[in-house]
N, C-alpha and C. Protein backbone atom coordinates (compact mmCIF):
# COMPACT_ATOMS: atom_id res chain seq x y z
N MET A 1 -10.34 -17.19 -47.17
CA MET A 1 -9.97 -18.43 -46.49
C MET A 1 -10.90 -18.59 -45.38
N ASP A 2 -11.27 -19.87 -45.02
CA ASP A 2 -12.05 -20.13 -44.00
C ASP A 2 -11.48 -20.15 -42.57
N SER A 3 -12.13 -19.53 -41.67
CA SER A 3 -11.58 -19.55 -40.20
C SER A 3 -12.12 -20.83 -39.45
N PRO A 4 -11.65 -21.14 -38.28
CA PRO A 4 -12.13 -22.29 -37.47
C PRO A 4 -13.74 -22.05 -37.29
N THR A 5 -14.14 -20.83 -37.35
CA THR A 5 -15.61 -20.64 -37.16
C THR A 5 -16.56 -20.75 -38.41
N GLY A 6 -15.70 -20.92 -39.62
CA GLY A 6 -16.35 -20.86 -40.91
C GLY A 6 -16.62 -19.63 -41.56
N HIS A 7 -16.10 -18.54 -41.07
CA HIS A 7 -16.29 -17.28 -41.71
C HIS A 7 -14.93 -16.95 -42.34
N ASP A 8 -14.97 -16.11 -43.50
CA ASP A 8 -13.84 -15.72 -44.20
C ASP A 8 -13.18 -14.71 -43.34
N GLN A 9 -11.76 -14.86 -43.46
CA GLN A 9 -10.79 -13.97 -42.79
C GLN A 9 -9.86 -13.49 -43.69
N ASN A 10 -9.51 -12.23 -43.59
CA ASN A 10 -8.43 -11.52 -44.46
C ASN A 10 -7.24 -11.20 -43.49
N ALA A 11 -6.05 -11.05 -44.15
CA ALA A 11 -4.92 -11.01 -43.36
C ALA A 11 -4.88 -9.67 -42.36
N ASP A 12 -5.72 -8.71 -42.75
CA ASP A 12 -5.72 -7.46 -41.93
C ASP A 12 -6.88 -7.42 -40.95
N GLN A 13 -7.62 -8.52 -40.87
CA GLN A 13 -8.67 -8.57 -39.82
C GLN A 13 -8.26 -9.18 -38.55
N ILE A 14 -8.96 -9.04 -37.47
CA ILE A 14 -8.69 -9.43 -36.13
C ILE A 14 -9.29 -10.89 -36.00
N ALA A 15 -8.47 -11.87 -35.50
CA ALA A 15 -8.99 -13.14 -35.21
C ALA A 15 -9.61 -13.19 -33.83
N TYR A 16 -10.87 -13.68 -33.62
CA TYR A 16 -11.50 -13.83 -32.36
C TYR A 16 -11.63 -15.34 -32.09
N TRP A 17 -10.72 -15.82 -31.24
CA TRP A 17 -10.85 -17.35 -31.04
C TRP A 17 -10.31 -17.58 -29.64
N ASN A 18 -10.89 -18.37 -28.96
CA ASN A 18 -10.48 -18.65 -27.60
C ASN A 18 -9.82 -19.96 -27.41
N GLY A 19 -8.59 -19.92 -27.56
CA GLY A 19 -7.74 -21.13 -27.46
C GLY A 19 -6.50 -21.10 -28.31
N PRO A 20 -5.46 -22.01 -28.04
CA PRO A 20 -4.21 -22.10 -28.81
C PRO A 20 -4.47 -22.52 -30.21
N GLY A 21 -5.57 -23.34 -30.48
CA GLY A 21 -5.78 -23.76 -31.95
C GLY A 21 -6.11 -22.52 -32.79
N GLY A 22 -6.86 -21.62 -32.33
CA GLY A 22 -7.24 -20.53 -33.04
C GLY A 22 -5.99 -19.53 -33.18
N GLN A 23 -5.20 -19.47 -32.29
CA GLN A 23 -3.88 -18.58 -32.35
C GLN A 23 -3.11 -19.21 -33.57
N ARG A 24 -2.95 -20.54 -33.52
CA ARG A 24 -2.08 -21.26 -34.46
C ARG A 24 -2.61 -20.93 -35.99
N TRP A 25 -4.05 -21.13 -35.99
CA TRP A 25 -4.70 -20.91 -37.32
C TRP A 25 -4.42 -19.52 -37.68
N ALA A 26 -4.69 -18.48 -36.97
CA ALA A 26 -4.47 -17.08 -37.22
C ALA A 26 -3.08 -16.80 -37.62
N SER A 27 -2.08 -17.36 -36.97
CA SER A 27 -0.70 -17.28 -37.32
C SER A 27 -0.37 -17.67 -38.75
N ARG A 28 -1.00 -18.90 -39.15
CA ARG A 28 -0.74 -19.39 -40.43
C ARG A 28 -1.45 -18.40 -41.51
N GLN A 29 -2.66 -17.77 -41.14
CA GLN A 29 -3.35 -16.88 -41.97
C GLN A 29 -2.81 -15.57 -42.12
N GLN A 30 -1.77 -15.22 -41.33
CA GLN A 30 -1.15 -13.95 -41.13
C GLN A 30 -1.92 -12.89 -40.62
N VAL A 31 -3.01 -13.31 -39.74
CA VAL A 31 -3.73 -12.38 -39.19
C VAL A 31 -2.94 -11.40 -38.18
N GLN A 32 -3.22 -10.08 -38.30
CA GLN A 32 -2.46 -9.09 -37.57
C GLN A 32 -2.61 -9.20 -35.93
N ASP A 33 -3.92 -9.30 -35.52
CA ASP A 33 -4.19 -9.16 -34.06
C ASP A 33 -5.04 -10.30 -33.77
N ILE A 34 -4.73 -10.83 -32.57
CA ILE A 34 -5.50 -11.95 -32.00
C ILE A 34 -6.07 -11.60 -30.72
N LEU A 35 -7.33 -11.75 -30.54
CA LEU A 35 -7.93 -11.36 -29.16
C LEU A 35 -8.48 -12.89 -28.66
N LEU A 36 -8.01 -13.29 -27.63
CA LEU A 36 -8.56 -14.45 -27.00
C LEU A 36 -9.81 -14.23 -26.16
N LYS A 37 -10.97 -14.14 -26.87
CA LYS A 37 -12.12 -13.70 -26.36
C LYS A 37 -13.35 -14.29 -27.19
N PRO A 38 -14.28 -14.98 -26.57
CA PRO A 38 -15.28 -15.56 -27.50
C PRO A 38 -16.08 -14.43 -28.21
N VAL A 39 -16.48 -14.76 -29.47
CA VAL A 39 -17.15 -13.75 -30.25
C VAL A 39 -18.38 -13.27 -29.66
N ALA A 40 -19.12 -14.16 -28.89
CA ALA A 40 -20.31 -13.60 -28.19
C ALA A 40 -20.14 -12.62 -27.11
N ASP A 41 -19.00 -12.62 -26.53
CA ASP A 41 -18.52 -11.69 -25.51
C ASP A 41 -18.18 -10.27 -26.23
N ILE A 42 -17.55 -10.36 -27.54
CA ILE A 42 -17.22 -9.14 -28.20
C ILE A 42 -18.60 -8.57 -28.74
N LEU A 43 -19.52 -9.45 -29.23
CA LEU A 43 -20.72 -8.77 -29.58
C LEU A 43 -21.55 -7.99 -28.34
N LEU A 44 -21.54 -8.73 -27.37
CA LEU A 44 -22.14 -8.18 -26.13
C LEU A 44 -21.47 -6.83 -25.79
N ASP A 45 -20.07 -6.83 -25.85
CA ASP A 45 -19.32 -5.60 -25.48
C ASP A 45 -19.81 -4.43 -26.40
N ARG A 46 -20.09 -4.68 -27.64
CA ARG A 46 -20.50 -3.67 -28.49
C ARG A 46 -22.01 -3.30 -28.40
N ALA A 47 -22.89 -4.15 -27.86
CA ALA A 47 -24.23 -3.96 -27.80
C ALA A 47 -24.66 -3.23 -26.49
N ARG A 48 -23.89 -3.52 -25.52
CA ARG A 48 -24.27 -2.94 -24.22
C ARG A 48 -24.35 -1.40 -24.23
N PRO A 49 -23.40 -0.73 -24.71
CA PRO A 49 -23.43 0.81 -24.75
C PRO A 49 -24.69 1.16 -25.68
N LEU A 50 -24.86 0.55 -26.73
CA LEU A 50 -25.99 0.89 -27.51
C LEU A 50 -27.30 0.70 -26.85
N ALA A 51 -27.34 -0.17 -25.88
CA ALA A 51 -28.58 -0.32 -25.07
C ALA A 51 -28.72 0.54 -23.86
N GLY A 52 -27.71 1.44 -23.80
CA GLY A 52 -27.75 2.32 -22.68
C GLY A 52 -26.97 1.67 -21.44
N GLU A 53 -26.47 0.67 -21.44
CA GLU A 53 -25.86 0.11 -20.31
C GLU A 53 -24.42 0.84 -20.25
N ARG A 54 -23.92 0.96 -18.98
CA ARG A 54 -22.64 1.52 -18.61
C ARG A 54 -21.57 0.33 -18.78
N VAL A 55 -20.59 0.60 -19.54
CA VAL A 55 -19.45 -0.39 -19.80
C VAL A 55 -18.27 0.17 -19.48
N ILE A 56 -17.39 -0.45 -18.63
CA ILE A 56 -16.13 0.04 -18.19
C ILE A 56 -14.97 -0.93 -18.66
N ASP A 57 -14.03 -0.51 -19.47
CA ASP A 57 -12.97 -1.32 -19.90
C ASP A 57 -12.27 -1.91 -18.53
N GLN A 58 -11.87 -3.18 -18.46
CA GLN A 58 -11.27 -3.74 -17.37
C GLN A 58 -9.97 -3.16 -17.19
N LYS A 59 -9.09 -2.97 -18.21
CA LYS A 59 -7.81 -2.49 -18.10
C LYS A 59 -7.80 -1.08 -17.86
N LEU A 60 -8.68 -0.32 -18.18
CA LEU A 60 -8.71 1.17 -17.82
C LEU A 60 -9.13 1.23 -16.34
N ALA A 61 -10.13 0.44 -15.90
CA ALA A 61 -10.60 0.45 -14.47
C ALA A 61 -9.34 0.15 -13.62
N LEU A 62 -8.68 -0.88 -13.90
CA LEU A 62 -7.52 -1.27 -13.18
C LEU A 62 -6.46 -0.14 -13.10
N ALA A 63 -6.20 0.54 -14.27
CA ALA A 63 -5.19 1.59 -14.39
C ALA A 63 -5.68 2.70 -13.45
N ALA A 64 -6.96 2.96 -13.42
CA ALA A 64 -7.55 4.10 -12.61
C ALA A 64 -7.31 3.74 -10.96
N LEU A 65 -7.50 2.47 -10.72
CA LEU A 65 -7.42 2.15 -9.35
C LEU A 65 -5.81 2.08 -8.88
N GLU A 66 -4.99 1.96 -9.91
CA GLU A 66 -3.49 1.79 -9.49
C GLU A 66 -2.99 3.26 -9.67
N MET A 67 -3.67 4.33 -10.10
CA MET A 67 -3.20 5.66 -10.32
C MET A 67 -2.91 6.31 -8.93
N LYS A 68 -1.77 6.90 -8.84
CA LYS A 68 -1.49 7.63 -7.61
C LYS A 68 -2.34 8.83 -7.42
N GLU A 69 -2.49 9.02 -6.13
CA GLU A 69 -3.28 10.33 -5.83
C GLU A 69 -2.18 11.54 -6.08
N SER A 70 -2.95 12.60 -6.37
CA SER A 70 -2.13 13.75 -6.53
C SER A 70 -1.59 14.35 -5.20
N PRO A 71 -0.30 14.62 -5.28
CA PRO A 71 0.27 15.27 -4.11
C PRO A 71 -0.11 16.72 -3.80
N LEU A 72 -0.64 17.37 -4.76
CA LEU A 72 -1.14 18.68 -4.77
C LEU A 72 -2.41 18.94 -3.79
N THR A 73 -2.31 20.19 -3.20
CA THR A 73 -3.57 20.48 -2.52
C THR A 73 -4.64 20.92 -3.74
N ASP A 74 -5.82 21.14 -3.17
CA ASP A 74 -6.83 21.61 -4.14
C ASP A 74 -6.49 22.95 -4.81
N ARG A 75 -5.95 23.98 -3.85
CA ARG A 75 -5.66 25.19 -4.30
C ARG A 75 -4.32 25.29 -5.26
N GLU A 76 -3.35 24.50 -4.92
CA GLU A 76 -2.21 24.19 -5.79
C GLU A 76 -2.60 23.77 -7.21
N THR A 77 -3.62 22.82 -7.21
CA THR A 77 -4.15 22.29 -8.42
C THR A 77 -4.87 23.35 -9.17
N ASP A 78 -5.54 24.15 -8.57
CA ASP A 78 -6.47 25.26 -9.27
C ASP A 78 -5.42 26.24 -9.87
N VAL A 79 -4.30 26.53 -9.09
CA VAL A 79 -3.49 27.54 -9.65
C VAL A 79 -2.63 26.96 -10.78
N LEU A 80 -2.13 25.70 -10.65
CA LEU A 80 -1.50 25.02 -11.74
C LEU A 80 -2.27 24.99 -12.96
N ARG A 81 -3.69 24.54 -12.84
CA ARG A 81 -4.48 24.35 -13.93
C ARG A 81 -4.76 25.68 -14.75
N ARG A 82 -4.83 26.79 -13.97
CA ARG A 82 -5.09 28.05 -14.77
C ARG A 82 -3.71 28.31 -15.37
N PHE A 83 -2.71 28.28 -14.68
CA PHE A 83 -1.22 28.44 -15.29
C PHE A 83 -1.10 27.62 -16.66
N ALA A 84 -1.54 26.38 -16.54
CA ALA A 84 -1.56 25.45 -17.73
C ALA A 84 -2.18 25.93 -18.91
N VAL A 85 -3.18 26.63 -18.87
CA VAL A 85 -4.06 27.09 -20.00
C VAL A 85 -3.58 28.51 -20.44
N GLY A 86 -2.47 29.10 -19.76
CA GLY A 86 -1.81 30.34 -20.30
C GLY A 86 -2.16 31.59 -19.48
N ALA A 87 -2.81 31.37 -18.32
CA ALA A 87 -3.10 32.63 -17.44
C ALA A 87 -1.73 33.03 -16.82
N ASP A 88 -1.46 34.37 -16.75
CA ASP A 88 -0.23 34.68 -16.02
C ASP A 88 -0.63 34.89 -14.55
N LEU A 89 0.56 35.14 -13.74
CA LEU A 89 0.26 35.10 -12.28
C LEU A 89 -0.66 36.22 -11.83
N PRO A 90 -0.65 37.55 -12.34
CA PRO A 90 -1.68 38.50 -11.90
C PRO A 90 -3.05 37.99 -12.25
N GLU A 91 -3.27 37.41 -13.43
CA GLU A 91 -4.60 36.93 -13.79
C GLU A 91 -5.03 35.83 -12.72
N ILE A 92 -4.23 34.88 -12.57
CA ILE A 92 -4.62 33.91 -11.48
C ILE A 92 -4.91 34.45 -10.18
N ALA A 93 -3.92 35.33 -9.83
CA ALA A 93 -4.31 35.89 -8.39
C ALA A 93 -5.57 36.70 -8.34
N ALA A 94 -6.03 37.40 -9.43
CA ALA A 94 -7.35 38.11 -9.55
C ALA A 94 -8.40 37.17 -9.55
N GLU A 95 -8.37 36.11 -10.38
CA GLU A 95 -9.42 35.12 -10.41
C GLU A 95 -9.73 34.31 -9.12
N LEU A 96 -8.71 34.17 -8.33
CA LEU A 96 -8.64 33.31 -7.12
C LEU A 96 -8.70 34.13 -5.96
N PHE A 97 -8.72 35.51 -6.08
CA PHE A 97 -8.68 36.41 -5.00
C PHE A 97 -7.42 36.14 -4.02
N LEU A 98 -6.39 35.95 -4.70
CA LEU A 98 -5.05 35.78 -3.99
C LEU A 98 -4.04 36.98 -4.33
N SER A 99 -3.08 36.96 -3.45
CA SER A 99 -1.89 38.02 -3.88
C SER A 99 -1.02 37.25 -4.85
N TYR A 100 -0.24 38.14 -5.61
CA TYR A 100 0.67 37.75 -6.64
C TYR A 100 1.60 36.71 -5.91
N GLY A 101 2.16 37.09 -4.77
CA GLY A 101 3.12 36.37 -4.02
C GLY A 101 2.61 34.88 -3.60
N THR A 102 1.25 34.94 -3.31
CA THR A 102 0.76 33.57 -2.88
C THR A 102 0.61 32.66 -4.06
N VAL A 103 0.23 33.28 -5.14
CA VAL A 103 0.21 32.35 -6.49
C VAL A 103 1.52 32.00 -6.74
N ARG A 104 2.64 32.73 -6.70
CA ARG A 104 3.93 32.36 -6.90
C ARG A 104 4.32 31.18 -6.05
N ASN A 105 3.88 31.30 -4.81
CA ASN A 105 4.27 30.28 -3.79
C ASN A 105 3.60 29.01 -4.15
N TYR A 106 2.27 29.03 -4.43
CA TYR A 106 1.58 27.79 -4.73
C TYR A 106 2.20 27.14 -6.08
N LEU A 107 2.72 27.81 -7.04
CA LEU A 107 3.32 27.20 -8.25
C LEU A 107 4.65 26.74 -7.68
N ALA A 108 5.44 27.33 -6.99
CA ALA A 108 6.69 26.79 -6.50
C ALA A 108 6.49 25.54 -5.64
N ALA A 109 5.51 25.54 -4.87
CA ALA A 109 5.17 24.18 -4.19
C ALA A 109 4.73 23.03 -5.02
N ALA A 110 4.04 23.41 -6.11
CA ALA A 110 3.54 22.47 -7.04
C ALA A 110 4.80 21.92 -7.78
N VAL A 111 5.71 22.71 -8.24
CA VAL A 111 7.06 22.31 -8.96
C VAL A 111 7.81 21.36 -8.05
N THR A 112 7.99 21.84 -6.77
CA THR A 112 8.65 20.94 -5.77
C THR A 112 8.06 19.55 -5.51
N LYS A 113 6.82 19.54 -5.28
CA LYS A 113 5.99 18.33 -5.00
C LYS A 113 5.99 17.39 -6.15
N LEU A 114 5.93 17.91 -7.25
CA LEU A 114 5.87 17.08 -8.67
C LEU A 114 7.28 16.61 -9.05
N GLY A 115 8.30 17.28 -8.51
CA GLY A 115 9.71 16.94 -8.97
C GLY A 115 10.07 17.59 -10.14
N GLY A 116 9.37 18.72 -10.49
CA GLY A 116 9.69 19.32 -11.87
C GLY A 116 10.86 20.16 -11.79
N ARG A 117 11.29 20.55 -12.93
CA ARG A 117 12.40 21.47 -13.06
C ARG A 117 12.00 22.91 -13.04
N ASN A 118 10.78 23.02 -13.52
CA ASN A 118 10.21 24.48 -13.63
C ASN A 118 8.75 24.41 -13.76
N ARG A 119 7.89 25.47 -13.78
CA ARG A 119 6.51 25.51 -13.92
C ARG A 119 5.92 24.67 -15.04
N MET A 120 6.53 24.84 -16.14
CA MET A 120 5.90 24.05 -17.26
C MET A 120 6.34 22.53 -17.23
N ASP A 121 7.40 22.26 -16.59
CA ASP A 121 7.60 20.81 -16.32
C ASP A 121 6.54 20.20 -15.31
N ALA A 122 6.10 21.10 -14.32
CA ALA A 122 5.16 20.67 -13.37
C ALA A 122 3.72 20.43 -14.10
N VAL A 123 3.54 21.35 -15.05
CA VAL A 123 2.26 21.20 -15.74
C VAL A 123 2.24 20.01 -16.52
N GLN A 124 3.28 19.55 -17.21
CA GLN A 124 3.45 18.34 -18.04
C GLN A 124 3.25 17.07 -17.13
N ILE A 125 3.98 17.02 -15.92
CA ILE A 125 3.94 16.01 -15.14
C ILE A 125 2.46 15.72 -14.51
N ALA A 126 1.77 16.92 -14.16
CA ALA A 126 0.38 16.82 -13.60
C ALA A 126 -0.52 16.41 -14.66
N THR A 127 -0.41 16.95 -15.80
CA THR A 127 -1.17 16.64 -16.91
C THR A 127 -1.28 15.20 -17.37
N LYS A 128 0.05 14.67 -17.46
CA LYS A 128 0.17 13.20 -17.85
C LYS A 128 -0.39 12.40 -16.78
N ALA A 129 -0.32 12.66 -15.53
CA ALA A 129 -0.88 11.99 -14.46
C ALA A 129 -2.35 12.11 -14.36
N GLY A 130 -3.05 13.08 -15.11
CA GLY A 130 -4.42 13.25 -14.94
C GLY A 130 -4.91 14.02 -13.87
N TRP A 131 -3.98 14.81 -13.23
CA TRP A 131 -4.32 15.59 -11.97
C TRP A 131 -4.78 16.99 -12.28
N LEU A 132 -4.73 17.48 -13.57
CA LEU A 132 -5.33 18.79 -13.82
C LEU A 132 -6.65 18.73 -14.49
N LEU A 133 -7.36 17.53 -14.56
CA LEU A 133 -8.63 17.55 -15.14
C LEU A 133 -9.49 18.29 -14.32
N SER A 134 -10.40 19.09 -15.11
CA SER A 134 -11.33 19.94 -14.37
C SER A 134 -12.24 19.27 -13.40
N ARG A 135 -12.38 19.99 -12.34
CA ARG A 135 -13.38 19.58 -11.37
C ARG A 135 -14.39 20.71 -11.19
N PRO A 136 -15.66 20.35 -10.75
CA PRO A 136 -16.59 21.55 -10.49
C PRO A 136 -16.03 22.37 -9.52
N THR A 137 -16.14 23.54 -9.46
CA THR A 137 -15.77 24.41 -8.31
C THR A 137 -16.91 24.72 -7.37
N PRO A 138 -16.66 24.51 -6.17
CA PRO A 138 -17.74 24.70 -5.02
C PRO A 138 -18.17 26.07 -5.05
N LYS A 139 -19.48 26.32 -4.70
CA LYS A 139 -19.86 27.73 -4.52
C LYS A 139 -19.41 28.16 -3.06
N ARG A 140 -19.03 29.37 -3.18
CA ARG A 140 -18.69 30.02 -1.89
C ARG A 140 -19.83 30.20 -0.97
N ALA A 141 -19.66 30.02 0.35
CA ALA A 141 -20.74 30.32 1.29
C ALA A 141 -21.20 31.70 1.22
N GLY A 142 -22.62 31.93 1.10
CA GLY A 142 -23.18 33.21 1.04
C GLY A 142 -23.13 33.69 -0.36
N SER A 143 -22.70 33.14 -1.45
CA SER A 143 -22.64 33.67 -2.69
C SER A 143 -24.00 33.53 -3.46
N ARG A 144 -24.45 34.44 -4.21
CA ARG A 144 -25.72 34.47 -4.86
C ARG A 144 -25.41 34.44 -6.34
N PRO A 145 -26.47 33.76 -7.08
CA PRO A 145 -26.23 33.78 -8.48
C PRO A 145 -26.50 35.23 -9.11
N PRO A 146 -25.82 35.53 -10.12
CA PRO A 146 -25.96 36.90 -10.76
C PRO A 146 -27.42 37.16 -11.12
N GLY A 147 -27.73 38.43 -11.06
CA GLY A 147 -29.11 38.79 -11.53
C GLY A 147 -30.06 39.22 -10.50
């Protein structure tokens, strides 16, 4: 069947039409999805990354701006991140040069700040919010590369 733009459309395709007439047409053709965006813009959206341009989705950018900041300190985040990947408390303490009790306290603080019921709940809350994404670890003052 012919679309308003003269192209064939199948019921499982997306209709790209800017305006209510296109929406009405797509509805009669039983098109599944309708994007109210000019075809030229869609083609540009696909071509830009191929040309090496940086493209940021508007909805994703808005969601990032509206995202709440993590209530956790950097150290609480580091401890919770290591716990999330399966490290036990003695391992975390050794990796971060902390005592076992300090690691336990950081985890307890994270659970409280995130409103979790337990450590695993805190991990799920922080992961879902994007707060456990890896960050580069800063070098310690006076540290030297191995070798």
